N, C-alpha and C. Protein backbone atom coordinates (compact mmCIF):
# COMPACT_ATOMS: atom_id res chain seq x y z
N UNK A 1 96.72 134.73 -26.91
CA UNK A 1 95.92 135.83 -27.36
C UNK A 1 94.79 136.06 -26.35
N UNK A 2 94.64 137.27 -25.89
CA UNK A 2 93.64 137.61 -24.89
C UNK A 2 92.43 138.23 -25.57
N UNK A 3 91.38 137.43 -25.72
CA UNK A 3 90.15 137.92 -26.32
C UNK A 3 89.18 138.30 -25.22
N UNK A 4 88.82 139.54 -25.18
CA UNK A 4 87.91 140.02 -24.16
C UNK A 4 86.46 139.90 -24.65
N UNK A 5 85.61 139.32 -23.82
CA UNK A 5 84.21 139.16 -24.18
C UNK A 5 83.49 140.49 -24.05
N UNK A 6 82.81 140.90 -25.10
CA UNK A 6 82.03 142.13 -25.04
C UNK A 6 80.56 141.76 -25.01
N UNK A 7 80.00 141.81 -23.80
CA UNK A 7 78.60 141.46 -23.60
C UNK A 7 77.80 142.73 -23.42
N UNK A 8 76.58 142.68 -23.87
CA UNK A 8 75.65 143.78 -23.64
C UNK A 8 74.88 143.47 -22.36
N UNK A 9 75.27 144.11 -21.28
CA UNK A 9 74.70 143.80 -19.97
C UNK A 9 73.19 144.08 -19.95
N UNK A 10 72.76 145.17 -20.58
CA UNK A 10 71.33 145.48 -20.61
C UNK A 10 70.52 144.39 -21.27
N UNK A 11 71.04 143.82 -22.35
CA UNK A 11 70.35 142.73 -23.05
C UNK A 11 70.30 141.49 -22.16
N UNK A 12 71.39 141.22 -21.45
CA UNK A 12 71.41 140.07 -20.54
C UNK A 12 70.40 140.24 -19.40
N UNK A 13 70.29 141.44 -18.87
CA UNK A 13 69.34 141.70 -17.78
C UNK A 13 67.91 141.57 -18.28
N UNK A 14 67.62 142.11 -19.44
CA UNK A 14 66.27 141.99 -20.01
C UNK A 14 65.94 140.53 -20.29
N UNK A 15 66.90 139.77 -20.79
CA UNK A 15 66.69 138.34 -21.05
C UNK A 15 66.42 137.58 -19.75
N UNK A 16 67.13 137.97 -18.69
CA UNK A 16 66.92 137.35 -17.37
C UNK A 16 65.49 137.58 -16.89
N UNK A 17 65.00 138.83 -16.97
CA UNK A 17 63.65 139.13 -16.51
C UNK A 17 62.60 138.40 -17.36
N UNK A 18 62.83 138.29 -18.65
CA UNK A 18 61.90 137.55 -19.52
C UNK A 18 61.89 136.07 -19.15
N UNK A 19 63.06 135.52 -18.86
CA UNK A 19 63.15 134.11 -18.47
C UNK A 19 62.44 133.86 -17.14
N UNK A 20 62.67 134.74 -16.16
CA UNK A 20 62.01 134.58 -14.87
C UNK A 20 60.48 134.68 -15.03
N UNK A 21 60.02 135.58 -15.89
CA UNK A 21 58.59 135.69 -16.16
C UNK A 21 58.02 134.41 -16.73
N UNK A 22 58.75 133.78 -17.65
CA UNK A 22 58.28 132.50 -18.22
C UNK A 22 58.26 131.41 -17.16
N UNK A 23 59.24 131.38 -16.28
CA UNK A 23 59.28 130.38 -15.22
C UNK A 23 58.09 130.55 -14.28
N UNK A 24 57.78 131.80 -13.91
CA UNK A 24 56.65 132.06 -13.01
C UNK A 24 55.33 131.64 -13.66
N UNK A 25 55.14 131.98 -14.92
CA UNK A 25 53.90 131.62 -15.62
C UNK A 25 53.78 130.11 -15.72
N UNK A 26 54.84 129.42 -16.12
CA UNK A 26 54.77 127.96 -16.27
C UNK A 26 54.64 127.25 -14.93
N UNK A 27 55.23 127.82 -13.87
CA UNK A 27 55.08 127.24 -12.54
C UNK A 27 53.62 127.30 -12.12
N UNK A 28 52.97 128.43 -12.38
CA UNK A 28 51.56 128.57 -12.02
C UNK A 28 50.70 127.60 -12.81
N UNK A 29 50.98 127.44 -14.09
CA UNK A 29 50.21 126.52 -14.93
C UNK A 29 50.36 125.09 -14.41
N UNK A 30 51.57 124.70 -14.05
CA UNK A 30 51.81 123.33 -13.59
C UNK A 30 51.23 123.08 -12.20
N UNK A 31 51.30 124.05 -11.32
CA UNK A 31 50.87 123.84 -9.94
C UNK A 31 49.36 124.03 -9.74
N UNK A 32 48.69 124.74 -10.66
CA UNK A 32 47.26 124.99 -10.46
C UNK A 32 46.38 124.15 -11.37
N UNK A 33 46.89 123.06 -11.86
CA UNK A 33 46.11 122.20 -12.75
C UNK A 33 44.91 121.64 -12.00
N UNK A 34 43.71 122.01 -12.45
CA UNK A 34 42.49 121.49 -11.85
C UNK A 34 42.07 122.17 -10.56
N UNK A 35 42.66 123.30 -10.22
CA UNK A 35 42.36 123.98 -8.97
C UNK A 35 41.66 125.30 -9.29
N UNK A 36 40.57 125.59 -8.59
CA UNK A 36 39.86 126.86 -8.74
C UNK A 36 40.61 127.94 -7.97
N UNK A 37 40.67 129.14 -8.53
CA UNK A 37 41.36 130.25 -7.88
C UNK A 37 40.39 131.40 -7.63
N UNK A 38 40.61 132.10 -6.51
CA UNK A 38 39.77 133.23 -6.16
C UNK A 38 40.35 134.55 -6.62
N UNK A 39 41.47 134.56 -7.26
CA UNK A 39 42.12 135.80 -7.67
C UNK A 39 43.24 136.15 -6.71
N UNK A 40 43.53 137.42 -6.60
CA UNK A 40 44.60 137.87 -5.70
C UNK A 40 45.76 138.45 -6.48
N UNK A 41 46.75 138.91 -5.74
CA UNK A 41 47.89 139.58 -6.35
C UNK A 41 48.67 138.65 -7.27
N UNK A 42 48.96 137.44 -6.81
CA UNK A 42 49.77 136.52 -7.60
C UNK A 42 49.05 136.15 -8.91
N UNK A 43 47.76 135.93 -8.84
CA UNK A 43 47.02 135.60 -10.06
C UNK A 43 46.96 136.78 -11.02
N UNK A 44 46.88 138.00 -10.47
CA UNK A 44 46.90 139.19 -11.32
C UNK A 44 48.27 139.33 -12.01
N UNK A 45 49.33 139.06 -11.26
CA UNK A 45 50.69 139.11 -11.82
C UNK A 45 50.84 138.08 -12.94
N UNK A 46 50.37 136.88 -12.71
CA UNK A 46 50.44 135.82 -13.72
C UNK A 46 49.65 136.22 -14.96
N UNK A 47 48.48 136.81 -14.76
CA UNK A 47 47.66 137.24 -15.88
C UNK A 47 48.36 138.29 -16.73
N UNK A 48 49.10 139.18 -16.09
CA UNK A 48 49.82 140.22 -16.81
C UNK A 48 51.04 139.66 -17.55
N UNK A 49 51.66 138.64 -16.98
CA UNK A 49 52.87 138.08 -17.59
C UNK A 49 52.57 137.07 -18.70
N UNK A 50 51.41 136.46 -18.65
CA UNK A 50 51.10 135.38 -19.58
C UNK A 50 51.19 135.85 -21.03
N UNK A 51 52.04 135.21 -21.78
CA UNK A 51 52.23 135.54 -23.19
C UNK A 51 53.26 136.62 -23.42
N UNK A 52 53.33 137.59 -22.53
CA UNK A 52 54.27 138.69 -22.72
C UNK A 52 55.70 138.27 -22.43
N UNK A 53 55.90 137.44 -21.41
CA UNK A 53 57.25 137.02 -21.05
C UNK A 53 57.89 136.20 -22.16
N UNK A 54 57.15 135.26 -22.73
CA UNK A 54 57.72 134.44 -23.79
C UNK A 54 57.94 135.25 -25.06
N UNK A 55 57.02 136.17 -25.36
CA UNK A 55 57.21 137.02 -26.54
C UNK A 55 58.43 137.92 -26.37
N UNK A 56 58.62 138.46 -25.18
CA UNK A 56 59.79 139.29 -24.91
C UNK A 56 61.07 138.48 -25.05
N UNK A 57 61.07 137.26 -24.54
CA UNK A 57 62.25 136.41 -24.63
C UNK A 57 62.60 136.11 -26.09
N UNK A 58 61.61 135.84 -26.91
CA UNK A 58 61.84 135.54 -28.32
C UNK A 58 62.39 136.76 -29.05
N UNK A 59 61.83 137.93 -28.76
CA UNK A 59 62.33 139.16 -29.38
C UNK A 59 63.78 139.41 -28.97
N UNK A 60 64.09 139.23 -27.70
CA UNK A 60 65.46 139.43 -27.22
C UNK A 60 66.42 138.40 -27.83
N UNK A 61 65.95 137.18 -28.02
CA UNK A 61 66.79 136.18 -28.69
C UNK A 61 67.09 136.59 -30.13
N UNK A 62 66.08 137.14 -30.81
CA UNK A 62 66.31 137.63 -32.17
C UNK A 62 67.29 138.78 -32.20
N UNK A 63 67.19 139.68 -31.24
CA UNK A 63 68.16 140.78 -31.18
C UNK A 63 69.56 140.24 -30.94
N UNK A 64 69.68 139.27 -30.06
CA UNK A 64 70.98 138.66 -29.80
C UNK A 64 71.58 138.00 -31.02
N UNK A 65 70.75 137.29 -31.78
CA UNK A 65 71.24 136.64 -33.00
C UNK A 65 71.65 137.69 -34.04
N UNK A 66 70.90 138.77 -34.11
CA UNK A 66 71.20 139.82 -35.09
C UNK A 66 72.53 140.49 -34.79
N UNK A 67 72.75 140.76 -33.51
CA UNK A 67 73.99 141.42 -33.10
C UNK A 67 75.16 140.47 -33.30
């Protein structure tokens, strides 16, 4: 019996970006422990992603479970 997998590519791509966002935020937290920062592009990016990436991933996981 040939069962074809029906994946929602858009959901997979959104989940990938949310996962990468969480990795970047956690990498910054782990690598900058006890270090003062002057700001910059990377710190601004981390500030924008903090909390949003994990919330997006959880919402997408809920959508996946619902479907």
